[in-house]
């Protein structure tokens, strides 16, 4: 298993609240702006999409790549981050 980034660990360590989409692991300024343009401006909105896809990592990574142009690594990092957050808080 690959190690997680500090950004990932910070996100998973606490409730989501009103964090921006760029707080998600794998989502930087460029992808964040693309997601915001699509209406996904907060981390909880992206979480909603993750939950709508029934926490299916493969479907979520495909969706994230389609909507934002994320690469496989970025989409996988975001998916894993949301999965771990759900495991901790839901």
C-alpha atoms as a PDB file:
ATOM      1  CA  UNK A   1       0.000   0.000   0.000  1.00  0.00           C
ATOM      2  CA  UNK A   2       1.305   3.426  -0.868  1.00  0.00           C
ATOM      3  CA  UNK A   3       1.830   6.004   1.809  1.00  0.00           C
ATOM      4  CA  UNK A   4      -0.641   8.839   2.104  1.00  0.00           C
ATOM      5  CA  UNK A   5       0.155  12.519   1.873  1.00  0.00           C
ATOM      6  CA  UNK A   6      -0.062  14.959   4.761  1.00  0.00           C
ATOM      7  CA  UNK A   7      -3.034  16.543   2.988  1.00  0.00           C
ATOM      8  CA  UNK A   8      -4.779  13.143   2.977  1.00  0.00           C
ATOM      9  CA  UNK A   9      -4.044  12.503   6.648  1.00  0.00           C
ATOM     10  CA  UNK A  10      -5.226  16.000   7.627  1.00  0.00           C
ATOM     11  CA  UNK A  11      -8.504  15.602   5.736  1.00  0.00           C
ATOM     12  CA  UNK A  12      -9.303  12.173   7.154  1.00  0.00           C
ATOM     13  CA  UNK A  13      -8.424  13.243  10.707  1.00  0.00           C
ATOM     14  CA  UNK A  14     -11.347  15.606  11.263  1.00  0.00           C
ATOM     15  CA  UNK A  15     -14.942  16.334  10.286  1.00  0.00           C
ATOM     16  CA  UNK A  16     -15.360  17.795   6.806  1.00  0.00           C
ATOM     17  CA  UNK A  17     -17.323  20.897   7.707  1.00  0.00           C
ATOM     18  CA  UNK A  18     -17.219  23.553   4.995  1.00  0.00           C
ATOM     19  CA  UNK A  19     -13.807  22.694   3.539  1.00  0.00           C
ATOM     20  CA  UNK A  20     -13.107  23.728  -0.050  1.00  0.00           C
ATOM     21  CA  UNK A  21     -12.832  21.073  -2.742  1.00  0.00           C
ATOM     22  CA  UNK A  22      -9.060  21.669  -2.815  1.00  0.00           C
ATOM     23  CA  UNK A  23      -8.813  20.230   0.716  1.00  0.00           C
ATOM     24  CA  UNK A  24      -9.344  16.781  -0.815  1.00  0.00           C
ATOM     25  CA  UNK A  25      -6.275  14.685  -1.432  1.00  0.00           C
ATOM     26  CA  UNK A  26      -5.369  14.653  -5.122  1.00  0.00           C
ATOM     27  CA  UNK A  27      -7.223  17.908  -5.862  1.00  0.00           C
ATOM     28  CA  UNK A  28      -5.007  20.919  -6.401  1.00  0.00           C
ATOM     29  CA  UNK A  29      -5.801  24.412  -7.629  1.00  0.00           C
ATOM     30  CA  UNK A  30      -6.256  23.482 -11.312  1.00  0.00           C
ATOM     31  CA  UNK A  31      -8.556  20.500 -10.703  1.00  0.00           C
ATOM     32  CA  UNK A  32     -10.289  22.422  -7.944  1.00  0.00           C
ATOM     33  CA  UNK A  33     -11.143  25.214 -10.355  1.00  0.00           C
ATOM     34  CA  UNK A  34     -12.461  22.726 -12.927  1.00  0.00           C
ATOM     35  CA  UNK A  35     -14.633  21.089 -10.273  1.00  0.00           C
ATOM     36  CA  UNK A  36     -15.880  24.463  -9.028  1.00  0.00           C
ATOM     37  CA  UNK A  37     -16.856  25.362 -12.599  1.00  0.00           C
ATOM     38  CA  UNK A  38     -18.988  22.190 -12.627  1.00  0.00           C
ATOM     39  CA  UNK A  39     -20.662  23.138  -9.331  1.00  0.00           C
ATOM     40  CA  UNK A  40     -18.489  21.001  -7.039  1.00  0.00           C
ATOM     41  CA  UNK A  41     -17.123  23.854  -4.927  1.00  0.00           C
ATOM     42  CA  UNK A  42     -16.957  22.163  -1.519  1.00  0.00           C
ATOM     43  CA  UNK A  43     -15.533  18.856  -0.354  1.00  0.00           C
ATOM     44  CA  UNK A  44     -18.972  17.786   0.898  1.00  0.00           C
ATOM     45  CA  UNK A  45     -20.439  18.219  -2.606  1.00  0.00           C
ATOM     46  CA  UNK A  46     -17.803  15.827  -3.994  1.00  0.00           C
ATOM     47  CA  UNK A  47     -18.548  13.496  -1.069  1.00  0.00           C
ATOM     48  CA  UNK A  48     -22.193  13.565  -2.154  1.00  0.00           C
ATOM     49  CA  UNK A  49     -21.201  12.334  -5.604  1.00  0.00           C
ATOM     50  CA  UNK A  50     -19.031   9.627  -3.995  1.00  0.00           C
ATOM     51  CA  UNK A  51     -22.039   8.493  -1.947  1.00  0.00           C
ATOM     52  CA  UNK A  52     -24.386   8.633  -4.962  1.00  0.00           C
ATOM     53  CA  UNK A  53     -21.994   6.230  -6.669  1.00  0.00           C
ATOM     54  CA  UNK A  54     -22.390   3.957  -3.613  1.00  0.00           C
ATOM     55  CA  UNK A  55     -18.781   4.487  -2.509  1.00  0.00           C
ATOM     56  CA  UNK A  56     -17.596   2.568  -5.590  1.00  0.00           C
ATOM     57  CA  UNK A  57     -13.993   3.699  -6.009  1.00  0.00           C
ATOM     58  CA  UNK A  58     -13.727   2.682  -9.652  1.00  0.00           C
ATOM     59  CA  UNK A  59     -16.915   4.459 -10.681  1.00  0.00           C
ATOM     60  CA  UNK A  60     -15.898   7.545  -8.691  1.00  0.00           C
ATOM     61  CA  UNK A  61     -12.424   7.725 -10.225  1.00  0.00           C
ATOM     62  CA  UNK A  62     -13.939   7.389 -13.712  1.00  0.00           C
ATOM     63  CA  UNK A  63     -16.412  10.176 -12.893  1.00  0.00           C
ATOM     64  CA  UNK A  64     -13.686  12.441 -11.481  1.00  0.00           C
ATOM     65  CA  UNK A  65     -11.464  11.895 -14.521  1.00  0.00           C
ATOM     66  CA  UNK A  66     -14.387  12.725 -16.831  1.00  0.00           C
ATOM     67  CA  UNK A  67     -15.585  15.838 -15.007  1.00  0.00           C
ATOM     68  CA  UNK A  68     -12.235  17.393 -14.095  1.00  0.00           C
ATOM     69  CA  UNK A  69      -9.562  15.824 -16.264  1.00  0.00           C
ATOM     70  CA  UNK A  70      -7.850  14.278 -13.229  1.00  0.00           C
ATOM     71  CA  UNK A  71      -5.307  11.585 -13.942  1.00  0.00           C
ATOM     72  CA  UNK A  72      -5.522   8.079 -12.468  1.00  0.00           C
ATOM     73  CA  UNK A  73      -3.259   8.926  -9.512  1.00  0.00           C
ATOM     74  CA  UNK A  74      -5.166  12.093  -8.600  1.00  0.00           C
ATOM     75  CA  UNK A  75      -8.574  10.447  -8.910  1.00  0.00           C
ATOM     76  CA  UNK A  76      -7.423   7.412  -6.934  1.00  0.00           C
ATOM     77  CA  UNK A  77      -6.004   9.600  -4.187  1.00  0.00           C
ATOM     78  CA  UNK A  78      -9.268  11.525  -3.878  1.00  0.00           C
ATOM     79  CA  UNK A  79     -11.323   8.318  -3.883  1.00  0.00           C
ATOM     80  CA  UNK A  80      -9.183   6.743  -1.155  1.00  0.00           C
ATOM     81  CA  UNK A  81      -9.369   9.932   0.894  1.00  0.00           C
ATOM     82  CA  UNK A  82     -13.174   9.983   0.744  1.00  0.00           C
ATOM     83  CA  UNK A  83     -13.407   6.255   1.487  1.00  0.00           C
ATOM     84  CA  UNK A  84     -11.267   6.604   4.596  1.00  0.00           C
ATOM     85  CA  UNK A  85     -13.209   9.693   5.706  1.00  0.00           C
ATOM     86  CA  UNK A  86     -16.469   7.748   5.336  1.00  0.00           C
ATOM     87  CA  UNK A  87     -15.054   4.818   7.290  1.00  0.00           C
ATOM     88  CA  UNK A  88     -14.113   7.190  10.113  1.00  0.00           C
ATOM     89  CA  UNK A  89     -17.174   9.451  10.227  1.00  0.00           C
ATOM     90  CA  UNK A  90     -20.200   7.642   8.750  1.00  0.00           C
END
